[in-house]
Amino acid sequence: MFLSNEDVVALTGRKRPSAQARFLHSLGMKFMRRLDGSIALRQEELDRHTLTKPREVKQRRSLDLSLLRRPVVA
């Protein structure tokens, strides 16, 4: 889902697509330009750069130390 043009103007505080593009690029956001020159910004991209949705944290598996605990047989 894409943000509407009004939402992009509210986010950037700029009306011209070229100024919006410079602003979004300075924030490191990925966006596309439509054929008419307007900015297409995905909602997921905005969520990735804001605190509205927490990032998914990958959990690491714990190490299996059972082999180290065995008695050594000589």
C-alpha atoms as a PDB file:
ATOM      1  CA  MET A   1       0.000   0.000   0.000  1.00  0.00           C
ATOM      2  CA  PHE A   2       1.289   3.448  -0.919  1.00  0.00           C
ATOM      3  CA  LEU A   3       0.943   6.741   0.921  1.00  0.00           C
ATOM      4  CA  SER A   4      -1.296   9.315  -0.719  1.00  0.00           C
ATOM      5  CA  ASN A   5       0.169  12.499  -2.161  1.00  0.00           C
ATOM      6  CA  GLU A   6      -1.285  14.444   0.778  1.00  0.00           C
ATOM      7  CA  ASP A   7       0.448  12.122   3.234  1.00  0.00           C
ATOM      8  CA  VAL A   8       3.799  12.568   1.462  1.00  0.00           C
ATOM      9  CA  VAL A   9       3.355  16.356   1.620  1.00  0.00           C
ATOM     10  CA  ALA A  10       2.521  16.126   5.332  1.00  0.00           C
ATOM     11  CA  LEU A  11       5.523  13.860   5.980  1.00  0.00           C
ATOM     12  CA  THR A  12       8.073  15.911   4.082  1.00  0.00           C
ATOM     13  CA  GLY A  13       6.620  19.376   4.514  1.00  0.00           C
ATOM     14  CA  ARG A  14       7.322  20.002   0.820  1.00  0.00           C
ATOM     15  CA  LYS A  15       4.973  20.277  -2.147  1.00  0.00           C
ATOM     16  CA  ARG A  16       7.250  19.722  -5.145  1.00  0.00           C
ATOM     17  CA  PRO A  17       8.165  16.107  -5.925  1.00  0.00           C
ATOM     18  CA  SER A  18      11.826  17.003  -6.463  1.00  0.00           C
ATOM     19  CA  ALA A  19      12.038  18.530  -2.978  1.00  0.00           C
ATOM     20  CA  GLN A  20      10.167  15.553  -1.522  1.00  0.00           C
ATOM     21  CA  ALA A  21      12.638  13.194  -3.201  1.00  0.00           C
ATOM     22  CA  ARG A  22      15.632  15.065  -1.736  1.00  0.00           C
ATOM     23  CA  PHE A  23      14.076  14.980   1.726  1.00  0.00           C
ATOM     24  CA  LEU A  24      13.246  11.261   1.588  1.00  0.00           C
ATOM     25  CA  HIS A  25      16.687  10.452   0.170  1.00  0.00           C
ATOM     26  CA  SER A  26      18.352  12.338   3.036  1.00  0.00           C
ATOM     27  CA  LEU A  27      16.422  10.135   5.489  1.00  0.00           C
ATOM     28  CA  GLY A  28      17.548   7.000   3.663  1.00  0.00           C
ATOM     29  CA  MET A  29      14.038   6.001   2.575  1.00  0.00           C
ATOM     30  CA  LYS A  30      13.494   4.030  -0.603  1.00  0.00           C
ATOM     31  CA  PHE A  31      10.831   5.442  -2.911  1.00  0.00           C
ATOM     32  CA  MET A  32       9.777   5.377  -6.538  1.00  0.00           C
ATOM     33  CA  ARG A  33       8.822   8.081  -8.972  1.00  0.00           C
ATOM     34  CA  ARG A  34       5.582   7.724 -10.879  1.00  0.00           C
ATOM     35  CA  LEU A  35       5.345   8.627 -14.568  1.00  0.00           C
ATOM     36  CA  ASP A  36       3.827  11.998 -13.658  1.00  0.00           C
ATOM     37  CA  GLY A  37       6.828  12.745 -11.407  1.00  0.00           C
ATOM     38  CA  SER A  38       5.050  12.289  -8.089  1.00  0.00           C
ATOM     39  CA  ILE A  39       6.578  10.233  -5.294  1.00  0.00           C
ATOM     40  CA  ALA A  40       5.378   6.718  -4.498  1.00  0.00           C
ATOM     41  CA  LEU A  41       6.317   5.778  -0.930  1.00  0.00           C
ATOM     42  CA  ARG A  42       5.268   2.428   0.510  1.00  0.00           C
ATOM     43  CA  GLN A  43       3.681   2.308   3.949  1.00  0.00           C
ATOM     44  CA  GLU A  44       6.088  -0.501   4.882  1.00  0.00           C
ATOM     45  CA  GLU A  45       9.061   1.728   4.098  1.00  0.00           C
ATOM     46  CA  LEU A  46       7.682   4.478   6.306  1.00  0.00           C
ATOM     47  CA  ASP A  47       7.057   1.964   9.103  1.00  0.00           C
ATOM     48  CA  ARG A  48      10.617   0.692   8.776  1.00  0.00           C
ATOM     49  CA  HIS A  49      11.955   4.193   9.543  1.00  0.00           C
ATOM     50  CA  THR A  50       9.501   5.136  12.281  1.00  0.00           C
ATOM     51  CA  LEU A  51       8.521   3.665  15.599  1.00  0.00           C
ATOM     52  CA  THR A  52       4.982   2.735  14.574  1.00  0.00           C
ATOM     53  CA  LYS A  53       5.835  -0.945  14.147  1.00  0.00           C
ATOM     54  CA  PRO A  54       8.566  -2.720  16.082  1.00  0.00           C
ATOM     55  CA  ARG A  55      11.163  -4.561  14.077  1.00  0.00           C
ATOM     56  CA  GLU A  56      11.085  -8.305  14.109  1.00  0.00           C
ATOM     57  CA  VAL A  57      13.914  -9.607  16.253  1.00  0.00           C
ATOM     58  CA  LYS A  58      15.435 -12.880  15.188  1.00  0.00           C
ATOM     59  CA  GLN A  59      16.102 -15.160  18.087  1.00  0.00           C
ATOM     60  CA  ARG A  60      19.358 -17.064  18.115  1.00  0.00           C
ATOM     61  CA  ARG A  61      19.393 -20.694  19.019  1.00  0.00           C
ATOM     62  CA  SER A  62      21.336 -21.552  22.137  1.00  0.00           C
ATOM     63  CA  LEU A  63      24.479 -23.608  21.721  1.00  0.00           C
ATOM     64  CA  ASP A  64      24.374 -27.324  22.502  1.00  0.00           C
ATOM     65  CA  LEU A  65      27.099 -27.762  25.122  1.00  0.00           C
ATOM     66  CA  SER A  66      26.176 -31.328  26.021  1.00  0.00           C
ATOM     67  CA  LEU A  67      29.243 -32.721  24.235  1.00  0.00           C
ATOM     68  CA  LEU A  68      31.555 -30.625  26.409  1.00  0.00           C
ATOM     69  CA  ARG A  69      30.045 -31.936  29.622  1.00  0.00           C
ATOM     70  CA  ARG A  70      30.733 -35.630  28.930  1.00  0.00           C
ATOM     71  CA  PRO A  71      33.597 -37.260  30.825  1.00  0.00           C
ATOM     72  CA  VAL A  72      36.685 -37.933  28.755  1.00  0.00           C
ATOM     73  CA  VAL A  73      37.452 -41.637  28.320  1.00  0.00           C
ATOM     74  CA  ALA A  74      41.134 -42.436  27.761  1.00  0.00           C
END
